Amino acid sequence: MRYKEGDRVRVRQWEAMARQYALLHNNDIGIYKELHRELYLYRFPIMYRKFCGQVVTIKEVENGYYRIKEDDGQWRWIDEEFEGHAFEYGELIEVSHSDNEWERRIYVGYIDGTCCPYVCVCVTDEDKFREGKNYNYGTWAFARPIPKKHTIIIDGVEIKVSDEDYKALKEKLCGEK
């Protein structure tokens, strides 16, 4: 499972799903048209099509499926139905070409249907970006939010912990969720 509760993700575009199924069948145009029709009419309920291209929020993760807030958890979703995380313009994120060496960049846009769908500025100088100065950008195959870090001070020592560890500690120590 790629996503966790609370993640904002973009539902794949209808055409992108149809192209993927066509590529599985050697990109034959007749098969493409038939698969497009089959996908549209039979495989994906109207509810799925309603959300194509939309940003949704993962409500819960269960047994290999996701439930989203926007449909009140009515439908089950899988990884392949999402394009990836959804970000706000100007948000600091991590990007990679290989899914193992991550770099921080500023998010400026998304391109659908290419091998490297995320477009980000190539610098992390937020002041330069905010002032509207020129910047270069590049496309990246993988993008993810930067994991939140919290600082806990114990006996004067600052310790950085992940968002998940912080929530678990808070719940254990304070009884809060």
Protein backbone atom coordinates (compact mmCIF):
# COMPACT_ATOMS: atom_id res chain seq x y z
CA MET A 1 0.00 0.00 0.00
CA ARG A 2 1.51 3.31 -1.11
CA TYR A 3 -0.70 5.70 0.81
CA LYS A 4 -1.80 6.16 4.40
CA GLU A 5 -4.77 7.74 6.15
CA GLY A 6 -4.95 11.46 5.56
CA ASP A 7 -2.89 11.45 2.33
CA ARG A 8 -4.23 13.63 -0.45
CA VAL A 9 -4.05 11.81 -3.79
CA ARG A 10 -5.18 12.44 -7.36
CA VAL A 11 -7.50 9.89 -9.00
CA ARG A 12 -6.17 8.81 -12.40
CA GLN A 13 -7.58 10.40 -15.51
CA TRP A 14 -10.00 8.23 -17.45
CA GLU A 15 -7.88 8.36 -20.62
CA ALA A 16 -4.73 7.36 -18.69
CA MET A 17 -6.45 4.21 -17.43
CA ALA A 18 -7.68 3.38 -20.92
CA ARG A 19 -4.18 3.94 -22.39
CA GLN A 20 -2.67 1.63 -19.79
CA TYR A 21 -5.08 -1.17 -20.66
CA ALA A 22 -4.45 -0.61 -24.38
CA LEU A 23 -0.68 -0.85 -23.88
CA LEU A 24 -1.20 -4.21 -22.20
CA HIS A 25 -2.67 -5.36 -25.52
CA ASN A 26 0.12 -4.13 -27.84
CA ASN A 27 -1.57 -0.75 -28.39
CA ASP A 28 -3.86 -2.11 -31.11
CA ILE A 29 -6.31 0.71 -31.92
CA GLY A 30 -9.28 -1.64 -32.32
CA ILE A 31 -8.51 -3.26 -29.00
CA TYR A 32 -7.98 0.22 -27.51
CA LYS A 33 -11.46 1.32 -28.58
CA GLU A 34 -13.04 -1.90 -27.35
CA LEU A 35 -11.16 -1.77 -24.05
CA HIS A 36 -12.10 1.88 -23.60
CA ARG A 37 -15.74 0.94 -24.12
CA GLU A 38 -15.44 -2.07 -21.79
CA LEU A 39 -13.71 -0.03 -19.10
CA TYR A 40 -16.23 2.74 -19.38
CA LEU A 41 -19.35 0.58 -19.41
CA TYR A 42 -18.50 -2.38 -17.23
CA ARG A 43 -15.34 -2.29 -15.16
CA PHE A 44 -15.59 1.04 -13.39
CA PRO A 45 -18.81 2.14 -11.72
CA ILE A 46 -20.11 5.64 -12.27
CA MET A 47 -18.80 6.64 -8.85
CA TYR A 48 -15.20 5.96 -9.94
CA ARG A 49 -15.62 7.94 -13.16
CA LYS A 50 -17.05 10.85 -11.19
CA PHE A 51 -13.71 11.29 -9.40
CA CYS A 52 -11.32 10.93 -12.39
CA GLY A 53 -8.69 13.67 -12.20
CA GLN A 54 -9.95 14.87 -8.81
CA VAL A 55 -7.93 15.26 -5.62
CA VAL A 56 -9.30 13.07 -2.83
CA THR A 57 -8.29 12.24 0.74
CA ILE A 58 -7.61 8.72 1.99
CA LYS A 59 -10.11 8.06 4.79
CA GLU A 60 -8.89 4.59 5.77
CA VAL A 61 -6.71 1.71 4.61
CA GLU A 62 -8.08 -1.81 4.98
CA ASN A 63 -7.27 -5.25 3.54
CA GLY A 64 -5.39 -3.93 0.50
CA TYR A 65 -7.99 -1.29 -0.32
CA TYR A 66 -8.52 2.39 0.38
CA ARG A 67 -11.66 4.26 1.34
CA ILE A 68 -11.85 7.99 0.53
CA LYS A 69 -13.62 10.81 2.36
CA GLU A 70 -15.21 12.28 -0.75
CA ASP A 71 -17.45 9.25 -1.38
CA ASP A 72 -18.02 8.67 2.36
CA GLY A 73 -16.01 5.44 2.16
CA GLN A 74 -18.61 3.84 -0.11
CA TRP A 75 -16.22 2.44 -2.75
CA ARG A 76 -13.00 0.45 -2.47
CA TRP A 77 -10.01 1.93 -4.28
CA ILE A 78 -6.61 0.43 -5.19
CA ASP A 79 -3.15 1.93 -5.80
CA GLU A 80 -3.47 1.73 -9.59
CA GLU A 81 -6.48 4.04 -9.57
CA PHE A 82 -4.40 6.91 -8.17
CA GLU A 83 -1.81 8.95 -10.07
CA GLY A 84 0.07 9.86 -6.93
CA HIS A 85 0.13 12.29 -4.05
CA ALA A 86 -1.55 15.64 -4.60
CA PHE A 87 0.37 18.75 -3.57
CA GLU A 88 -0.31 22.46 -3.19
CA TYR A 89 1.46 24.95 -5.44
CA GLY A 90 4.68 26.05 -3.68
CA GLU A 91 4.73 23.12 -1.26
CA LEU A 92 8.14 21.66 -0.37
CA ILE A 93 8.17 17.95 -1.37
CA GLU A 94 10.61 15.11 -2.04
CA VAL A 95 11.14 13.85 -5.60
CA SER A 96 13.11 11.05 -7.23
CA HIS A 97 13.75 9.37 -10.57
CA SER A 98 14.49 5.97 -9.08
CA ASP A 99 12.25 5.72 -6.00
CA ASN A 100 15.30 5.43 -3.75
CA GLU A 101 17.33 8.68 -3.91
CA TRP A 102 15.10 11.53 -2.81
CA GLU A 103 15.71 15.27 -3.21
CA ARG A 104 13.74 18.22 -1.86
CA ARG A 105 12.07 20.50 -4.39
CA ILE A 106 9.25 23.03 -4.58
CA TYR A 107 6.10 21.78 -6.30
CA VAL A 108 4.77 23.92 -9.14
CA GLY A 109 2.62 21.60 -11.21
CA TYR A 110 1.60 18.20 -12.48
CA ILE A 111 1.63 16.72 -15.99
CA ASP A 112 -0.56 13.71 -16.71
CA GLY A 113 0.32 10.83 -18.96
CA THR A 114 4.11 11.05 -19.19
CA CYS A 115 6.77 8.76 -17.77
CA CYS A 116 7.81 11.53 -15.36
CA PRO A 117 4.56 13.14 -14.26
CA TYR A 118 5.64 15.55 -11.53
CA VAL A 119 7.00 19.00 -12.38
CA CYS A 120 8.97 20.77 -9.67
CA VAL A 121 11.35 23.68 -9.46
CA CYS A 122 14.96 22.57 -9.33
CA VAL A 123 15.91 24.71 -6.38
CA THR A 124 14.67 24.75 -2.83
CA ASP A 125 15.27 28.47 -2.35
CA GLU A 126 11.76 29.31 -1.20
CA ASP A 127 12.49 33.05 -0.94
CA LYS A 128 13.56 33.21 -4.59
CA PHE A 129 10.48 31.20 -5.57
CA ARG A 130 8.09 33.38 -3.53
CA GLU A 131 9.57 36.58 -4.99
CA GLY A 132 8.75 35.31 -8.49
CA LYS A 133 12.34 35.26 -9.68
CA ASN A 134 13.25 32.96 -12.54
CA TYR A 135 13.85 29.35 -11.70
CA ASN A 136 14.48 26.16 -13.64
CA TYR A 137 12.17 23.20 -13.36
CA GLY A 138 12.39 19.50 -14.05
CA THR A 139 10.15 16.46 -14.23
CA TRP A 140 10.38 13.62 -11.74
CA ALA A 141 8.91 10.13 -11.80
CA PHE A 142 8.20 9.87 -8.08
CA ALA A 143 7.05 12.41 -5.54
CA ARG A 144 6.03 12.21 -1.92
CA PRO A 145 5.24 14.57 0.92
CA ILE A 146 8.07 15.32 3.31
CA PRO A 147 7.54 13.27 6.45
CA LYS A 148 6.63 15.54 9.34
CA LYS A 149 9.15 15.70 12.15
CA HIS A 150 8.43 16.71 15.71
CA THR A 151 10.89 17.69 18.38
CA ILE A 152 10.63 16.14 21.83
CA ILE A 153 12.83 17.50 24.61
CA ILE A 154 13.86 15.03 27.31
CA ASP A 155 16.27 16.22 30.01
CA GLY A 156 17.27 19.12 27.79
CA VAL A 157 18.06 16.86 24.81
CA GLU A 158 16.12 17.55 21.60
CA ILE A 159 15.02 14.41 19.77
CA LYS A 160 13.44 14.49 16.29
CA VAL A 161 10.67 11.93 15.78
CA SER A 162 8.41 11.09 12.86
CA ASP A 163 4.77 12.11 12.77
CA GLU A 164 3.67 8.50 13.40
CA ASP A 165 5.96 8.12 16.45
CA TYR A 166 4.81 11.50 17.79
CA LYS A 167 1.15 10.51 17.50
CA ALA A 168 1.79 7.15 19.19
CA LEU A 169 3.70 8.79 22.05
CA LYS A 170 1.05 11.46 22.48
CA GLU A 171 -1.70 8.87 22.60
CA LYS A 172 0.21 6.70 25.08
CA LEU A 173 1.29 9.55 27.36
CA CYS A 174 -1.67 11.92 27.12
CA GLY A 175 -4.51 9.66 26.07
CA GLU A 176 -5.11 11.94 23.04
CA LYS A 177 -5.53 10.91 19.44
